Amino acid sequence: MKLTERVIRAIKRVFEGQALPEDKNTIDQWYTNLDSDTTTVDEDRQKVKQRIFEKVYQPQAQPRISYFKYSVAAAILIVSFVTGYLYLQEKPTTDIVTVAPEWTAIDKDMPLHQAVNPADVQIVNAQIKSVKTPKAKLYQLVLEDGTQVWLNAGSVLEKITFDGKQRYVHLNGEAYFEVSKDPNRPFVIHTAQQTVTVLGTKFNLKSYANQKEVLSLVEGSVRITDKQHQSIVLTPGEAAEVEKGKLIKSNLHENNLLWREQIFAFENESLPEILDKVSRWYNVSVAPPPASTHRYSGKIHPKAMLDEVLNMLSLVSQQKVVLENNQILVK
């Protein structure tokens, strides 16, 4: 049984303590049909069912959750639970496309993976100095030194310069690097707020305009220097954030790496931050939404249609999130 809006609303009402008589039958039917869902592997199906059992089939004696409290806190659980099921419905596949001077925008009613045709990894030679990914596209590149780079949607890797002393690139957007080791030539990445120097390592670097920059280190070590010449060294499992001119060390969060598997993930993020990601993944613009202090966490598989994503965000944010004239509006 498809995860329809009817099922989602039934689950919401149960969480709110406002279930209708027919809601239990709706959820029962969906719950039962998970066993016959051939798109979900057994292990993942059992995880989904267990979460339903624990969170939906609760003793009626539990205290009722207030509407306000739900909108702030339980919404996080709903997003993780329901969008998590969308993710579990089918395992992600990696689509790699060749960089080209022209590209076609994704159709708003088409999942990301259907708009990307698999092709060979692009080899970036010395004549190529800039690579740009449009919205709704993911690219994998191999630089001339053997370094592999995965570029997220709406990103630019430019000023690619390799000489006898160093390897140099500039990033605006997000990329995952597997830097080829060369002890005689450091690999240097410049962004708007920091400089990252490595010899050979694996890490993710997010540097979109008007957002905090985050570097997540998977392997090796990196040195980060910000505009104020503050410098820190990271070891595997650590991350560094640059926001409002401050360089802060933290722990790596796996959600920062999931985009390479084509999983749209967000962790304790505001609605504007989430919509900014939706904009890049689905090639639409976003009107500035109303200010809000609410934060959300969850994962969405890109095979979800844009209207499904917007409906889900409408449900959990208690606001109407719609697409009008190729622009997302929050009403």
C-alpha atoms as a PDB file:
ATOM      1  CA  MET A   1       0.000   0.000   0.000  1.00  0.00           C
ATOM      2  CA  LYS A   2       1.423   3.356  -1.041  1.00  0.00           C
ATOM      3  CA  LEU A   3       2.264   5.873   1.639  1.00  0.00           C
ATOM      4  CA  THR A   4      -0.548   8.261   0.725  1.00  0.00           C
ATOM      5  CA  GLU A   5      -1.493  11.563   2.291  1.00  0.00           C
ATOM      6  CA  ARG A   6      -4.428   9.754   3.898  1.00  0.00           C
ATOM      7  CA  VAL A   7      -2.048   7.400   5.727  1.00  0.00           C
ATOM      8  CA  ILE A   8       0.241  10.263   6.763  1.00  0.00           C
ATOM      9  CA  ARG A   9      -2.663  12.293   8.159  1.00  0.00           C
ATOM     10  CA  ALA A  10      -3.928   9.250  10.059  1.00  0.00           C
ATOM     11  CA  ILE A  11      -0.499   8.769  11.649  1.00  0.00           C
ATOM     12  CA  LYS A  12      -0.376  12.477  12.522  1.00  0.00           C
ATOM     13  CA  ARG A  13      -3.740  12.359  14.262  1.00  0.00           C
ATOM     14  CA  VAL A  14      -2.615   9.358  16.302  1.00  0.00           C
ATOM     15  CA  PHE A  15       0.499  11.247  17.408  1.00  0.00           C
ATOM     16  CA  GLU A  16      -1.635  14.246  18.338  1.00  0.00           C
ATOM     17  CA  GLY A  17      -4.088  12.143  20.336  1.00  0.00           C
ATOM     18  CA  GLN A  18      -6.889  13.141  17.943  1.00  0.00           C
ATOM     19  CA  ALA A  19      -7.361   9.862  16.042  1.00  0.00           C
ATOM     20  CA  LEU A  20     -10.622   9.311  14.187  1.00  0.00           C
ATOM     21  CA  PRO A  21     -12.418   5.934  14.377  1.00  0.00           C
ATOM     22  CA  GLU A  22     -11.301   5.009  10.857  1.00  0.00           C
ATOM     23  CA  ASP A  23      -7.629   5.953  11.383  1.00  0.00           C
ATOM     24  CA  LYS A  24      -6.685   2.675  13.048  1.00  0.00           C
ATOM     25  CA  ASN A  25      -8.073   0.701  10.081  1.00  0.00           C
ATOM     26  CA  THR A  26      -6.138   2.895   7.658  1.00  0.00           C
ATOM     27  CA  ILE A  27      -2.882   2.376   9.533  1.00  0.00           C
ATOM     28  CA  ASP A  28      -3.628  -1.325  10.083  1.00  0.00           C
ATOM     29  CA  GLN A  29      -4.018  -1.852   6.340  1.00  0.00           C
ATOM     30  CA  TRP A  30      -0.803  -0.013   5.516  1.00  0.00           C
ATOM     31  CA  TYR A  31       1.037  -1.815   8.314  1.00  0.00           C
ATOM     32  CA  THR A  32      -0.146  -5.224   7.090  1.00  0.00           C
ATOM     33  CA  ASN A  33       0.743  -4.507   3.468  1.00  0.00           C
ATOM     34  CA  LEU A  34       4.355  -3.799   4.392  1.00  0.00           C
ATOM     35  CA  ASP A  35       4.776  -7.577   4.425  1.00  0.00           C
ATOM     36  CA  SER A  36       3.805  -7.781   0.749  1.00  0.00           C
ATOM     37  CA  ASP A  37       5.877  -4.768  -0.318  1.00  0.00           C
ATOM     38  CA  THR A  38       8.504  -6.292  -2.614  1.00  0.00           C
ATOM     39  CA  THR A  39      10.404  -3.021  -3.007  1.00  0.00           C
ATOM     40  CA  THR A  40      11.479  -3.061   0.637  1.00  0.00           C
ATOM     41  CA  VAL A  41      14.111  -5.497   1.823  1.00  0.00           C
ATOM     42  CA  ASP A  42      13.192  -7.667   4.820  1.00  0.00           C
ATOM     43  CA  GLU A  43      15.551  -6.008   7.292  1.00  0.00           C
ATOM     44  CA  ASP A  44      14.380  -2.489   6.443  1.00  0.00           C
ATOM     45  CA  ARG A  45      10.708  -3.523   6.415  1.00  0.00           C
ATOM     46  CA  GLN A  46      11.053  -4.904   9.917  1.00  0.00           C
ATOM     47  CA  LYS A  47      12.657  -1.649  11.079  1.00  0.00           C
ATOM     48  CA  VAL A  48       9.737   0.324   9.668  1.00  0.00           C
ATOM     49  CA  LYS A  49       7.168  -1.975  11.250  1.00  0.00           C
ATOM     50  CA  GLN A  50       8.921  -1.831  14.603  1.00  0.00           C
ATOM     51  CA  ARG A  51       8.854   1.950  14.559  1.00  0.00           C
ATOM     52  CA  ILE A  52       5.145   1.924  13.726  1.00  0.00           C
ATOM     53  CA  PHE A  53       4.480  -0.500  16.555  1.00  0.00           C
ATOM     54  CA  GLU A  54       6.447   1.583  19.049  1.00  0.00           C
ATOM     55  CA  LYS A  55       5.215   5.021  18.000  1.00  0.00           C
ATOM     56  CA  VAL A  56       1.687   4.507  16.676  1.00  0.00           C
ATOM     57  CA  TYR A  57       0.327   1.527  18.584  1.00  0.00           C
ATOM     58  CA  GLN A  58       0.701   3.143  21.992  1.00  0.00           C
ATOM     59  CA  PRO A  59      -1.449   2.509  25.068  1.00  0.00           C
ATOM     60  CA  GLN A  60      -4.399   4.887  25.073  1.00  0.00           C
ATOM     61  CA  ALA A  61      -3.591   5.904  28.653  1.00  0.00           C
ATOM     62  CA  GLN A  62      -0.610   7.951  27.516  1.00  0.00           C
ATOM     63  CA  PRO A  63      -1.062  11.710  27.977  1.00  0.00           C
ATOM     64  CA  ARG A  64      -2.218  13.626  24.959  1.00  0.00           C
ATOM     65  CA  ILE A  65       0.428  15.673  23.159  1.00  0.00           C
ATOM     66  CA  SER A  66      -0.583  19.275  22.665  1.00  0.00           C
ATOM     67  CA  TYR A  67      -0.807  20.684  19.135  1.00  0.00           C
ATOM     68  CA  PHE A  68       1.906  23.255  19.795  1.00  0.00           C
ATOM     69  CA  LYS A  69       4.271  20.776  21.378  1.00  0.00           C
ATOM     70  CA  TYR A  70       3.702  18.411  18.476  1.00  0.00           C
ATOM     71  CA  SER A  71       4.494  21.048  15.898  1.00  0.00           C
ATOM     72  CA  VAL A  72       7.821  21.783  17.572  1.00  0.00           C
ATOM     73  CA  ALA A  73       9.016  18.365  18.733  1.00  0.00           C
ATOM     74  CA  ALA A  74       6.945  15.456  17.443  1.00  0.00           C
ATOM     75  CA  ALA A  75       7.142  16.832  13.916  1.00  0.00           C
ATOM     76  CA  ILE A  76      10.807  15.869  13.965  1.00  0.00           C
ATOM     77  CA  LEU A  77       9.830  12.294  14.728  1.00  0.00           C
ATOM     78  CA  ILE A  78       7.156  12.243  12.044  1.00  0.00           C
ATOM     79  CA  VAL A  79       9.592  13.499   9.407  1.00  0.00           C
ATOM     80  CA  SER A  80      12.197  10.913  10.342  1.00  0.00           C
ATOM     81  CA  PHE A  81       9.602   8.151  10.444  1.00  0.00           C
ATOM     82  CA  VAL A  82       7.493   8.841   7.361  1.00  0.00           C
ATOM     83  CA  THR A  83      10.143  10.199   5.023  1.00  0.00           C
ATOM     84  CA  GLY A  84      12.385   7.444   6.284  1.00  0.00           C
ATOM     85  CA  TYR A  85       9.884   4.994   4.868  1.00  0.00           C
ATOM     86  CA  LEU A  86      10.006   6.774   1.515  1.00  0.00           C
ATOM     87  CA  TYR A  87      13.764   6.230   1.626  1.00  0.00           C
ATOM     88  CA  LEU A  88      13.453   2.577   2.582  1.00  0.00           C
ATOM     89  CA  GLN A  89      11.062   1.805  -0.276  1.00  0.00           C
ATOM     90  CA  GLU A  90      13.950   1.463  -2.683  1.00  0.00           C
ATOM     91  CA  LYS A  91      17.698   1.427  -2.225  1.00  0.00           C
ATOM     92  CA  PRO A  92      19.567   4.304  -3.889  1.00  0.00           C
ATOM     93  CA  THR A  93      21.678   3.844  -6.971  1.00  0.00           C
ATOM     94  CA  THR A  94      24.621   5.962  -8.039  1.00  0.00           C
ATOM     95  CA  ASP A  95      24.147   7.854 -11.304  1.00  0.00           C
ATOM     96  CA  ILE A  96      27.234   9.465 -12.802  1.00  0.00           C
ATOM     97  CA  VAL A  97      26.958  11.875 -15.699  1.00  0.00           C
ATOM     98  CA  THR A  98      29.500  13.333 -18.085  1.00  0.00           C
ATOM     99  CA  VAL A  99      30.146  17.054 -17.735  1.00  0.00           C
ATOM    100  CA  ALA A 100      28.859  18.895 -20.780  1.00  0.00           C
ATOM    101  CA  PRO A 101      28.457  22.546 -21.769  1.00  0.00           C
ATOM    102  CA  GLU A 102      24.694  22.102 -22.081  1.00  0.00           C
ATOM    103  CA  TRP A 103      22.200  20.302 -19.867  1.00  0.00           C
ATOM    104  CA  THR A 104      18.473  19.850 -19.535  1.00  0.00           C
ATOM    105  CA  ALA A 105      16.641  20.937 -16.390  1.00  0.00           C
ATOM    106  CA  ILE A 106      14.844  18.241 -14.475  1.00  0.00           C
ATOM    107  CA  ASP A 107      11.084  17.997 -14.921  1.00  0.00           C
ATOM    108  CA  LYS A 108       9.319  19.064 -11.696  1.00  0.00           C
ATOM    109  CA  ASP A 109       7.241  15.864 -11.742  1.00  0.00           C
ATOM    110  CA  MET A 110      10.219  13.594 -12.333  1.00  0.00           C
ATOM    111  CA  PRO A 111      12.403  12.054  -9.605  1.00  0.00           C
ATOM    112  CA  LEU A 112      16.051  13.071  -9.715  1.00  0.00           C
ATOM    113  CA  HIS A 113      17.401   9.694 -10.788  1.00  0.00           C
ATOM    114  CA  GLN A 114      15.166   9.552 -13.883  1.00  0.00           C
ATOM    115  CA  ALA A 115      16.588  12.817 -15.204  1.00  0.00           C
ATOM    116  CA  VAL A 116      20.194  11.623 -15.029  1.00  0.00           C
ATOM    117  CA  ASN A 117      21.578   9.230 -17.614  1.00  0.00           C
ATOM    118  CA  PRO A 118      24.434   7.013 -16.422  1.00  0.00           C
ATOM    119  CA  ALA A 119      27.707   7.637 -18.262  1.00  0.00           C
ATOM    120  CA  ASP A 120      31.440   7.338 -17.804  1.00  0.00           C
ATOM    121  CA  VAL A 121      33.205   9.389 -15.161  1.00  0.00           C
ATOM    122  CA  GLN A 122      34.467  12.662 -16.642  1.00  0.00           C
ATOM    123  CA  ILE A 123      38.239  13.022 -16.777  1.00  0.00           C
ATOM    124  CA  VAL A 124      39.163  16.667 -16.202  1.00  0.00           C
ATOM    125  CA  ASN A 125      42.407  17.454 -18.027  1.00  0.00           C
ATOM    126  CA  ALA A 126      44.727  20.445 -17.818  1.00  0.00           C
ATOM    127  CA  GLN A 127      42.688  22.397 -20.390  1.00  0.00           C
ATOM    128  CA  ILE A 128      39.545  22.393 -18.224  1.00  0.00           C
ATOM    129  CA  LYS A 129      39.670  25.094 -15.548  1.00  0.00           C
ATOM    130  CA  SER A 130      36.048  25.141 -14.342  1.00  0.00           C
ATOM    131  CA  VAL A 131      33.243  22.611 -13.876  1.00  0.00           C
ATOM    132  CA  LYS A 132      29.671  23.617 -13.008  1.00  0.00           C
ATOM    133  CA  THR A 133      26.777  21.372 -11.991  1.00  0.00           C
ATOM    134  CA  PRO A 134      23.268  22.709 -12.604  1.00  0.00           C
ATOM    135  CA  LYS A 135      20.433  22.152 -10.184  1.00  0.00           C
ATOM    136  CA  ALA A 136      19.069  18.594 -10.082  1.00  0.00           C
ATOM    137  CA  LYS A 137      22.360  17.068 -11.301  1.00  0.00           C
ATOM    138  CA  LEU A 138      25.205  15.213  -9.561  1.00  0.00           C
ATOM    139  CA  TYR A 139      28.599  14.806 -11.253  1.00  0.00           C
ATOM    140  CA  GLN A 140      31.616  12.629 -10.563  1.00  0.00           C
ATOM    141  CA  LEU A 141      34.984  13.823 -11.821  1.00  0.00           C
ATOM    142  CA  VAL A 142      38.570  12.608 -11.874  1.00  0.00           C
ATOM    143  CA  LEU A 143      41.174  15.386 -11.887  1.00  0.00           C
ATOM    144  CA  GLU A 144      44.473  15.031 -13.722  1.00  0.00           C
ATOM    145  CA  ASP A 145      46.328  13.895 -10.562  1.00  0.00           C
ATOM    146  CA  GLY A 146      43.829  11.069  -9.974  1.00  0.00           C
ATOM    147  CA  THR A 147      41.824  12.932  -7.310  1.00  0.00           C
ATOM    148  CA  GLN A 148      38.148  11.969  -7.438  1.00  0.00           C
ATOM    149  CA  VAL A 149      35.502  14.646  -6.882  1.00  0.00           C
ATOM    150  CA  TRP A 150      31.754  14.258  -6.512  1.00  0.00           C
ATOM    151  CA  LEU A 151      29.916  17.566  -7.104  1.00  0.00           C
ATOM    152  CA  ASN A 152      26.505  18.154  -5.559  1.00  0.00           C
ATOM    153  CA  ALA A 153      23.730  20.025  -7.366  1.00  0.00           C
ATOM    154  CA  GLY A 154      24.269  23.734  -7.953  1.00  0.00           C
ATOM    155  CA  SER A 155      28.046  23.636  -7.358  1.00  0.00           C
ATOM    156  CA  VAL A 156      31.081  25.098  -9.103  1.00  0.00           C
ATOM    157  CA  LEU A 157      34.652  23.788  -9.001  1.00  0.00           C
ATOM    158  CA  GLU A 158      36.860  26.391 -10.641  1.00  0.00           C
ATOM    159  CA  LYS A 159      40.365  27.806 -10.956  1.00  0.00           C
ATOM    160  CA  ILE A 160      41.649  24.233 -11.261  1.00  0.00           C
ATOM    161  CA  THR A 161      45.407  24.736 -11.342  1.00  0.00           C
ATOM    162  CA  PHE A 162      48.058  22.041 -10.902  1.00  0.00           C
ATOM    163  CA  ASP A 163      51.761  22.861 -11.082  1.00  0.00           C
ATOM    164  CA  GLY A 164      55.021  21.520  -9.689  1.00  0.00           C
ATOM    165  CA  LYS A 165      54.449  22.948  -6.203  1.00  0.00           C
ATOM    166  CA  GLN A 166      50.759  22.571  -5.406  1.00  0.00           C
ATOM    167  CA  ARG A 167      47.311  21.541  -6.582  1.00  0.00           C
ATOM    168  CA  TYR A 168      44.744  24.324  -6.306  1.00  0.00           C
ATOM    169  CA  VAL A 169      40.938  24.535  -6.753  1.00  0.00           C
ATOM    170  CA  HIS A 170      38.163  26.894  -5.665  1.00  0.00           C
ATOM    171  CA  LEU A 171      34.764  25.535  -4.536  1.00  0.00           C
ATOM    172  CA  ASN A 172      31.404  27.235  -4.408  1.00  0.00           C
ATOM    173  CA  GLY A 173      28.779  24.658  -3.403  1.00  0.00           C
ATOM    174  CA  GLU A 174      29.352  21.141  -2.103  1.00  0.00           C
ATOM    175  CA  ALA A 175      31.767  18.391  -3.053  1.00  0.00           C
ATOM    176  CA  TYR A 176      33.188  15.150  -1.716  1.00  0.00           C
ATOM    177  CA  PHE A 177      36.923  14.721  -2.340  1.00  0.00           C
ATOM    178  CA  GLU A 178      39.130  11.649  -2.432  1.00  0.00           C
ATOM    179  CA  VAL A 179      42.471  13.396  -2.845  1.00  0.00           C
ATOM    180  CA  SER A 180      45.287  11.477  -4.496  1.00  0.00           C
ATOM    181  CA  LYS A 181      48.350  11.374  -2.232  1.00  0.00           C
ATOM    182  CA  ASP A 182      51.321  13.483  -3.260  1.00  0.00           C
ATOM    183  CA  PRO A 183      53.609  14.519  -0.358  1.00  0.00           C
ATOM    184  CA  ASN A 184      55.424  17.024  -2.582  1.00  0.00           C
ATOM    185  CA  ARG A 185      52.312  18.880  -3.761  1.00  0.00           C
ATOM    186  CA  PRO A 186      49.637  19.883  -1.209  1.00  0.00           C
ATOM    187  CA  PHE A 187      46.058  19.949  -2.443  1.00  0.00           C
ATOM    188  CA  VAL A 188      44.548  23.345  -1.562  1.00  0.00           C
ATOM    189  CA  ILE A 189      40.838  24.196  -1.694  1.00  0.00           C
ATOM    190  CA  HIS A 190      39.704  27.787  -1.346  1.00  0.00           C
ATOM    191  CA  THR A 191      36.116  28.701  -0.437  1.00  0.00           C
ATOM    192  CA  ALA A 192      34.461  31.992   0.473  1.00  0.00           C
ATOM    193  CA  GLN A 193      35.372  31.595   4.167  1.00  0.00           C
ATOM    194  CA  GLN A 194      38.293  29.202   4.492  1.00  0.00           C
ATOM    195  CA  THR A 195      41.311  27.478   2.988  1.00  0.00           C
ATOM    196  CA  VAL A 196      41.686  23.705   3.281  1.00  0.00           C
ATOM    197  CA  THR A 197      45.113  22.102   2.839  1.00  0.00           C
ATOM    198  CA  VAL A 198      45.611  18.330   2.471  1.00  0.00           C
ATOM    199  CA  LEU A 199      48.158  15.856   1.125  1.00  0.00           C
ATOM    200  CA  GLY A 200      45.860  12.871   0.568  1.00  0.00           C
ATOM    201  CA  THR A 201      42.551  12.265   2.290  1.00  0.00           C
ATOM    202  CA  LYS A 202      38.767  11.822   1.999  1.00  0.00           C
ATOM    203  CA  PHE A 203      36.331  14.503   3.113  1.00  0.00           C
ATOM    204  CA  ASN A 204      33.139  16.379   2.297  1.00  0.00           C
ATOM    205  CA  LEU A 205      33.111  20.160   2.006  1.00  0.00           C
ATOM    206  CA  LYS A 206      29.916  22.232   1.877  1.00  0.00           C
ATOM    207  CA  SER A 207      30.301  25.875   0.933  1.00  0.00           C
ATOM    208  CA  TYR A 208      27.077  27.271  -0.500  1.00  0.00           C
ATOM    209  CA  ALA A 209      26.558  31.028  -0.506  1.00  0.00           C
ATOM    210  CA  ASN A 210      24.846  32.510   2.571  1.00  0.00           C
ATOM    211  CA  GLN A 211      25.193  29.263   4.564  1.00  0.00           C
ATOM    212  CA  LYS A 212      27.641  28.042   7.169  1.00  0.00           C
ATOM    213  CA  GLU A 213      30.533  26.087   5.713  1.00  0.00           C
ATOM    214  CA  VAL A 214      31.006  22.530   6.949  1.00  0.00           C
ATOM    215  CA  LEU A 215      33.937  20.174   6.370  1.00  0.00           C
ATOM    216  CA  SER A 216      33.441  16.515   7.364  1.00  0.00           C
ATOM    217  CA  LEU A 217      36.596  14.386   7.495  1.00  0.00           C
ATOM    218  CA  VAL A 218      36.340  10.681   6.655  1.00  0.00           C
ATOM    219  CA  GLU A 219      39.993   9.687   6.264  1.00  0.00           C
ATOM    220  CA  GLY A 220      43.437  11.250   6.712  1.00  0.00           C
ATOM    221  CA  SER A 221      43.885  14.752   8.099  1.00  0.00           C
ATOM    222  CA  VAL A 222      43.239  18.303   6.954  1.00  0.00           C
ATOM    223  CA  ARG A 223      44.287  21.764   8.055  1.00  0.00           C
ATOM    224  CA  ILE A 224      41.656  24.502   7.880  1.00  0.00           C
ATOM    225  CA  THR A 225      42.461  28.208   7.987  1.00  0.00           C
ATOM    226  CA  ASP A 226      39.741  30.853   8.074  1.00  0.00           C
ATOM    227  CA  LYS A 227      39.835  34.496   6.970  1.00  0.00           C
ATOM    228  CA  GLN A 228      41.038  35.587  10.416  1.00  0.00           C
ATOM    229  CA  HIS A 229      43.998  33.188  10.059  1.00  0.00           C
ATOM    230  CA  GLN A 230      42.669  30.879  12.773  1.00  0.00           C
ATOM    231  CA  SER A 231      43.758  27.334  12.019  1.00  0.00           C
ATOM    232  CA  ILE A 232      42.710  23.874  13.200  1.00  0.00           C
ATOM    233  CA  VAL A 233      43.646  20.310  12.218  1.00  0.00           C
ATOM    234  CA  LEU A 234      40.969  17.627  11.916  1.00  0.00           C
ATOM    235  CA  THR A 235      41.264  13.867  12.365  1.00  0.00           C
ATOM    236  CA  PRO A 236      38.813  11.248  10.958  1.00  0.00           C
ATOM    237  CA  GLY A 237      35.339  11.476  12.439  1.00  0.00           C
ATOM    238  CA  GLU A 238      35.644  15.193  13.099  1.00  0.00           C
ATOM    239  CA  ALA A 239      34.048  18.158  11.367  1.00  0.00           C
ATOM    240  CA  ALA A 240      34.606  21.902  11.286  1.00  0.00           C
ATOM    241  CA  GLU A 241      32.063  24.654  10.781  1.00  0.00           C
ATOM    242  CA  VAL A 242      32.619  28.252   9.754  1.00  0.00           C
ATOM    243  CA  GLU A 243      29.679  30.511  10.524  1.00  0.00           C
ATOM    244  CA  LYS A 244      29.708  34.264  10.978  1.00  0.00           C
ATOM    245  CA  GLY A 245      33.499  34.272  10.907  1.00  0.00           C
ATOM    246  CA  LYS A 246      33.937  31.675  13.653  1.00  0.00           C
ATOM    247  CA  LEU A 247      35.762  28.370  13.114  1.00  0.00           C
ATOM    248  CA  ILE A 248      34.335  25.600  15.320  1.00  0.00           C
ATOM    249  CA  LYS A 249      35.343  21.931  15.617  1.00  0.00           C
ATOM    250  CA  SER A 250      32.564  19.344  16.011  1.00  0.00           C
ATOM    251  CA  ASN A 251      31.774  15.685  15.347  1.00  0.00           C
ATOM    252  CA  LEU A 252      31.083  14.359  11.854  1.00  0.00           C
ATOM    253  CA  HIS A 253      27.394  13.717  11.133  1.00  0.00           C
ATOM    254  CA  GLU A 254      26.588  11.011   8.595  1.00  0.00           C
ATOM    255  CA  ASN A 255      23.795  13.132   7.066  1.00  0.00           C
ATOM    256  CA  ASN A 256      26.481  15.394   5.606  1.00  0.00           C
ATOM    257  CA  LEU A 257      27.684  12.482   3.449  1.00  0.00           C
ATOM    258  CA  LEU A 258      24.397  10.963   2.290  1.00  0.00           C
ATOM    259  CA  TRP A 259      23.877  13.173  -0.756  1.00  0.00           C
ATOM    260  CA  ARG A 260      26.423  11.058  -2.673  1.00  0.00           C
ATOM    261  CA  GLU A 261      24.009   8.147  -2.283  1.00  0.00           C
ATOM    262  CA  GLN A 262      21.247  10.412  -3.594  1.00  0.00           C
ATOM    263  CA  ILE A 263      19.598  10.670  -0.203  1.00  0.00           C
ATOM    264  CA  PHE A 264      18.208  14.089   0.663  1.00  0.00           C
ATOM    265  CA  ALA A 265      18.961  14.434   4.392  1.00  0.00           C
ATOM    266  CA  PHE A 266      18.510  17.211   6.902  1.00  0.00           C
ATOM    267  CA  GLU A 267      19.386  17.353  10.593  1.00  0.00           C
ATOM    268  CA  ASN A 268      17.973  19.929  13.013  1.00  0.00           C
ATOM    269  CA  GLU A 269      17.426  22.378  10.155  1.00  0.00           C
ATOM    270  CA  SER A 270      14.930  25.179   9.698  1.00  0.00           C
ATOM    271  CA  LEU A 271      12.316  25.172   6.955  1.00  0.00           C
ATOM    272  CA  PRO A 272      14.248  27.803   4.922  1.00  0.00           C
ATOM    273  CA  GLU A 273      17.386  25.632   5.086  1.00  0.00           C
ATOM    274  CA  ILE A 274      15.442  22.560   3.948  1.00  0.00           C
ATOM    275  CA  LEU A 275      13.754  24.449   1.109  1.00  0.00           C
ATOM    276  CA  ASP A 276      17.137  25.683  -0.071  1.00  0.00           C
ATOM    277  CA  LYS A 277      18.169  22.048  -0.549  1.00  0.00           C
ATOM    278  CA  VAL A 278      14.862  21.225  -2.250  1.00  0.00           C
ATOM    279  CA  SER A 279      15.501  24.137  -4.622  1.00  0.00           C
ATOM    280  CA  ARG A 280      18.843  22.692  -5.728  1.00  0.00           C
ATOM    281  CA  TRP A 281      17.643  19.101  -5.982  1.00  0.00           C
ATOM    282  CA  TYR A 282      14.467  19.824  -7.938  1.00  0.00           C
ATOM    283  CA  ASN A 283      15.579  22.902  -9.916  1.00  0.00           C
ATOM    284  CA  VAL A 284      13.005  25.356  -8.593  1.00  0.00           C
ATOM    285  CA  SER A 285      13.235  28.740  -6.912  1.00  0.00           C
ATOM    286  CA  VAL A 286      12.053  29.518  -3.370  1.00  0.00           C
ATOM    287  CA  ALA A 287      10.298  32.630  -2.122  1.00  0.00           C
ATOM    288  CA  PRO A 288      11.589  33.710   1.318  1.00  0.00           C
ATOM    289  CA  PRO A 289       9.423  31.798   3.839  1.00  0.00           C
ATOM    290  CA  PRO A 290       8.109  33.302   7.085  1.00  0.00           C
ATOM    291  CA  ALA A 291      10.547  33.318  10.004  1.00  0.00           C
ATOM    292  CA  SER A 292      10.311  30.282  12.274  1.00  0.00           C
ATOM    293  CA  THR A 293      12.250  28.782  15.178  1.00  0.00           C
ATOM    294  CA  HIS A 294      11.122  25.216  14.474  1.00  0.00           C
ATOM    295  CA  ARG A 295      13.776  22.663  13.448  1.00  0.00           C
ATOM    296  CA  TYR A 296      13.332  19.371  11.597  1.00  0.00           C
ATOM    297  CA  SER A 297      15.272  16.186  10.880  1.00  0.00           C
ATOM    298  CA  GLY A 298      14.708  13.481   8.303  1.00  0.00           C
ATOM    299  CA  LYS A 299      15.715  11.736   5.086  1.00  0.00           C
ATOM    300  CA  ILE A 300      13.993  11.685   1.712  1.00  0.00           C
ATOM    301  CA  HIS A 301      14.909   9.454  -1.180  1.00  0.00           C
ATOM    302  CA  PRO A 302      15.147  11.486  -4.429  1.00  0.00           C
ATOM    303  CA  LYS A 303      12.686   9.100  -6.094  1.00  0.00           C
ATOM    304  CA  ALA A 304      10.049  11.005  -4.175  1.00  0.00           C
ATOM    305  CA  MET A 305       8.235  13.430  -6.467  1.00  0.00           C
ATOM    306  CA  LEU A 306       8.473  17.129  -5.692  1.00  0.00           C
ATOM    307  CA  ASP A 307       4.776  17.321  -4.816  1.00  0.00           C
ATOM    308  CA  GLU A 308       5.260  14.484  -2.309  1.00  0.00           C
ATOM    309  CA  VAL A 309       8.110  16.367  -0.669  1.00  0.00           C
ATOM    310  CA  LEU A 310       6.105  19.593  -0.483  1.00  0.00           C
ATOM    311  CA  ASN A 311       3.083  17.768   0.943  1.00  0.00           C
ATOM    312  CA  MET A 312       5.278  16.219   3.612  1.00  0.00           C
ATOM    313  CA  LEU A 313       6.791  19.576   4.538  1.00  0.00           C
ATOM    314  CA  SER A 314       3.293  21.066   4.706  1.00  0.00           C
ATOM    315  CA  LEU A 315       2.191  18.374   7.146  1.00  0.00           C
ATOM    316  CA  VAL A 316       5.125  18.625   9.515  1.00  0.00           C
ATOM    317  CA  SER A 317       5.469  22.419   9.459  1.00  0.00           C
ATOM    318  CA  GLN A 318       1.738  23.077   9.789  1.00  0.00           C
ATOM    319  CA  GLN A 319       2.074  25.528   6.878  1.00  0.00           C
ATOM    320  CA  LYS A 320       1.024  25.272   3.261  1.00  0.00           C
ATOM    321  CA  VAL A 321       4.098  24.630   1.088  1.00  0.00           C
ATOM    322  CA  VAL A 322       3.181  24.793  -2.607  1.00  0.00           C
ATOM    323  CA  LEU A 323       4.725  25.207  -6.058  1.00  0.00           C
ATOM    324  CA  GLU A 324       3.414  28.098  -8.137  1.00  0.00           C
ATOM    325  CA  ASN A 325       5.002  29.268 -11.391  1.00  0.00           C
ATOM    326  CA  ASN A 326       8.150  27.236 -10.747  1.00  0.00           C
ATOM    327  CA  GLN A 327       8.580  28.800  -7.301  1.00  0.00           C
ATOM    328  CA  ILE A 328       8.049  27.256  -3.863  1.00  0.00           C
ATOM    329  CA  LEU A 329       5.829  29.379  -1.622  1.00  0.00           C
ATOM    330  CA  VAL A 330       5.090  28.978   2.094  1.00  0.00           C
ATOM    331  CA  LYS A 331       1.633  30.272   2.998  1.00  0.00           C
END
